[in-house]
Amino acid sequence: MKLAAALAGTLALLTAAPAFAQTAPAFSVETSTIAEIIANPEAKAALEKAVPQIAGFYDQISGQTLVQVAPMSQGALDDAKLKALQAEFDKIKK
């Protein structure tokens, strides 16, 4: 009886996991690298619309996240811009 209840609980968790995965943002200013972002045309367009000058630096910053790049951006990537970009990334399906 306990085994059946444990299996039912495990099954419930496993079936809930895909629903959670589908609602997670496709990209994150905190964890996605620039290379990952620019590999997606929609994410790249959102990034370049928000920070047009960033395209000239892709080769230097591709392994970093936007949060890591922000302190070096001379104000181009401030907290408000990062928040706005995350809102745009939240709309994108991977």
C-alpha atoms as a PDB file:
ATOM      1  CA  MET A   1       0.000   0.000   0.000  1.00  0.00           C
ATOM      2  CA  LYS A   2       2.809   2.433   0.919  1.00  0.00           C
ATOM      3  CA  LEU A   3       4.682   1.501  -2.246  1.00  0.00           C
ATOM      4  CA  ALA A   4       1.644   2.288  -4.362  1.00  0.00           C
ATOM      5  CA  ALA A   5       1.270   5.683  -2.685  1.00  0.00           C
ATOM      6  CA  ALA A   6       4.967   6.445  -3.182  1.00  0.00           C
ATOM      7  CA  LEU A   7       4.779   5.484  -6.845  1.00  0.00           C
ATOM      8  CA  ALA A   8       1.680   7.599  -7.331  1.00  0.00           C
ATOM      9  CA  GLY A   9       3.445  10.577  -5.750  1.00  0.00           C
ATOM     10  CA  THR A  10       6.506  10.080  -7.925  1.00  0.00           C
ATOM     11  CA  LEU A  11       4.343   9.791 -11.015  1.00  0.00           C
ATOM     12  CA  ALA A  12       2.577  13.026 -10.105  1.00  0.00           C
ATOM     13  CA  LEU A  13       5.923  14.830  -9.799  1.00  0.00           C
ATOM     14  CA  LEU A  14       7.184  13.462 -13.089  1.00  0.00           C
ATOM     15  CA  THR A  15       4.079  14.488 -14.970  1.00  0.00           C
ATOM     16  CA  ALA A  16       4.180  17.981 -13.432  1.00  0.00           C
ATOM     17  CA  ALA A  17       7.821  18.576 -14.439  1.00  0.00           C
ATOM     18  CA  PRO A  18       7.162  19.102 -18.173  1.00  0.00           C
ATOM     19  CA  ALA A  19       4.524  21.720 -17.373  1.00  0.00           C
ATOM     20  CA  PHE A  20       7.062  23.625 -15.316  1.00  0.00           C
ATOM     21  CA  ALA A  21       9.725  23.335 -17.992  1.00  0.00           C
ATOM     22  CA  GLN A  22       7.379  24.830 -20.569  1.00  0.00           C
ATOM     23  CA  THR A  23       6.778  27.913 -18.444  1.00  0.00           C
ATOM     24  CA  ALA A  24      10.453  28.641 -17.743  1.00  0.00           C
ATOM     25  CA  PRO A  25      11.850  31.562 -19.752  1.00  0.00           C
ATOM     26  CA  ALA A  26      13.811  30.583 -22.849  1.00  0.00           C
ATOM     27  CA  PHE A  27      16.565  33.077 -22.049  1.00  0.00           C
ATOM     28  CA  SER A  28      17.829  34.819 -18.944  1.00  0.00           C
ATOM     29  CA  VAL A  29      19.924  37.963 -18.542  1.00  0.00           C
ATOM     30  CA  GLU A  30      21.516  36.213 -15.548  1.00  0.00           C
ATOM     31  CA  THR A  31      22.288  32.732 -16.888  1.00  0.00           C
ATOM     32  CA  SER A  32      22.178  32.732 -20.708  1.00  0.00           C
ATOM     33  CA  THR A  33      25.423  33.539 -22.458  1.00  0.00           C
ATOM     34  CA  ILE A  34      25.513  36.141 -25.193  1.00  0.00           C
ATOM     35  CA  ALA A  35      26.305  33.297 -27.635  1.00  0.00           C
ATOM     36  CA  GLU A  36      23.114  31.484 -26.611  1.00  0.00           C
ATOM     37  CA  ILE A  37      21.071  34.660 -26.960  1.00  0.00           C
ATOM     38  CA  ILE A  38      22.362  35.634 -30.398  1.00  0.00           C
ATOM     39  CA  ALA A  39      21.880  32.079 -31.706  1.00  0.00           C
ATOM     40  CA  ASN A  40      18.129  32.735 -31.527  1.00  0.00           C
ATOM     41  CA  PRO A  41      17.013  35.355 -34.106  1.00  0.00           C
ATOM     42  CA  GLU A  42      14.175  36.675 -31.931  1.00  0.00           C
ATOM     43  CA  ALA A  43      16.360  37.046 -28.830  1.00  0.00           C
ATOM     44  CA  LYS A  44      19.170  38.591 -30.871  1.00  0.00           C
ATOM     45  CA  ALA A  45      16.760  41.141 -32.364  1.00  0.00           C
ATOM     46  CA  ALA A  46      15.474  42.079 -28.898  1.00  0.00           C
ATOM     47  CA  LEU A  47      19.036  42.494 -27.616  1.00  0.00           C
ATOM     48  CA  GLU A  48      20.176  44.585 -30.569  1.00  0.00           C
ATOM     49  CA  LYS A  49      17.055  46.751 -30.390  1.00  0.00           C
ATOM     50  CA  ALA A  50      17.734  47.477 -26.719  1.00  0.00           C
ATOM     51  CA  VAL A  51      21.515  47.875 -27.069  1.00  0.00           C
ATOM     52  CA  PRO A  52      22.406  48.466 -30.752  1.00  0.00           C
ATOM     53  CA  GLN A  53      26.127  48.927 -30.120  1.00  0.00           C
ATOM     54  CA  ILE A  54      26.514  45.479 -28.534  1.00  0.00           C
ATOM     55  CA  ALA A  55      26.836  43.719 -31.905  1.00  0.00           C
ATOM     56  CA  GLY A  56      30.345  45.114 -32.311  1.00  0.00           C
ATOM     57  CA  PHE A  57      31.474  43.276 -29.193  1.00  0.00           C
ATOM     58  CA  TYR A  58      30.005  39.790 -29.697  1.00  0.00           C
ATOM     59  CA  ASP A  59      33.405  38.227 -30.325  1.00  0.00           C
ATOM     60  CA  GLN A  60      34.695  39.582 -26.991  1.00  0.00           C
ATOM     61  CA  ILE A  61      31.667  38.897 -24.769  1.00  0.00           C
ATOM     62  CA  SER A  62      30.026  35.803 -26.273  1.00  0.00           C
ATOM     63  CA  GLY A  63      30.851  33.602 -23.269  1.00  0.00           C
ATOM     64  CA  GLN A  64      29.443  36.044 -20.719  1.00  0.00           C
ATOM     65  CA  THR A  65      25.929  36.796 -19.533  1.00  0.00           C
ATOM     66  CA  LEU A  66      24.303  40.199 -19.844  1.00  0.00           C
ATOM     67  CA  VAL A  67      24.569  40.675 -16.076  1.00  0.00           C
ATOM     68  CA  GLN A  68      28.318  40.044 -16.310  1.00  0.00           C
ATOM     69  CA  VAL A  69      28.681  42.479 -19.204  1.00  0.00           C
ATOM     70  CA  ALA A  70      26.595  45.239 -17.570  1.00  0.00           C
ATOM     71  CA  PRO A  71      29.375  46.722 -15.372  1.00  0.00           C
ATOM     72  CA  MET A  72      31.586  47.122 -18.455  1.00  0.00           C
ATOM     73  CA  SER A  73      28.840  48.637 -20.624  1.00  0.00           C
ATOM     74  CA  GLN A  74      29.322  52.259 -19.529  1.00  0.00           C
ATOM     75  CA  GLY A  75      25.654  52.477 -18.575  1.00  0.00           C
ATOM     76  CA  ALA A  76      24.230  50.902 -21.747  1.00  0.00           C
ATOM     77  CA  LEU A  77      23.037  47.901 -19.714  1.00  0.00           C
ATOM     78  CA  ASP A  78      21.667  49.337 -16.495  1.00  0.00           C
ATOM     79  CA  ASP A  79      19.184  47.587 -14.192  1.00  0.00           C
ATOM     80  CA  ALA A  80      16.181  49.033 -16.029  1.00  0.00           C
ATOM     81  CA  LYS A  81      17.500  47.841 -19.410  1.00  0.00           C
ATOM     82  CA  LEU A  82      18.260  44.369 -18.018  1.00  0.00           C
ATOM     83  CA  LYS A  83      14.753  44.149 -16.591  1.00  0.00           C
ATOM     84  CA  ALA A  84      13.215  45.250 -19.904  1.00  0.00           C
ATOM     85  CA  LEU A  85      15.319  42.727 -21.813  1.00  0.00           C
ATOM     86  CA  GLN A  86      14.274  39.950 -19.463  1.00  0.00           C
ATOM     87  CA  ALA A  87      10.644  40.886 -20.094  1.00  0.00           C
ATOM     88  CA  GLU A  88      11.276  40.535 -23.841  1.00  0.00           C
ATOM     89  CA  PHE A  89      13.111  37.233 -23.362  1.00  0.00           C
ATOM     90  CA  ASP A  90      10.179  35.944 -21.288  1.00  0.00           C
ATOM     91  CA  LYS A  91       7.979  36.241 -24.399  1.00  0.00           C
ATOM     92  CA  ILE A  92      10.265  34.043 -26.513  1.00  0.00           C
ATOM     93  CA  LYS A  93       9.698  30.323 -26.947  1.00  0.00           C
ATOM     94  CA  LYS A  94      12.881  28.320 -27.408  1.00  0.00           C
END
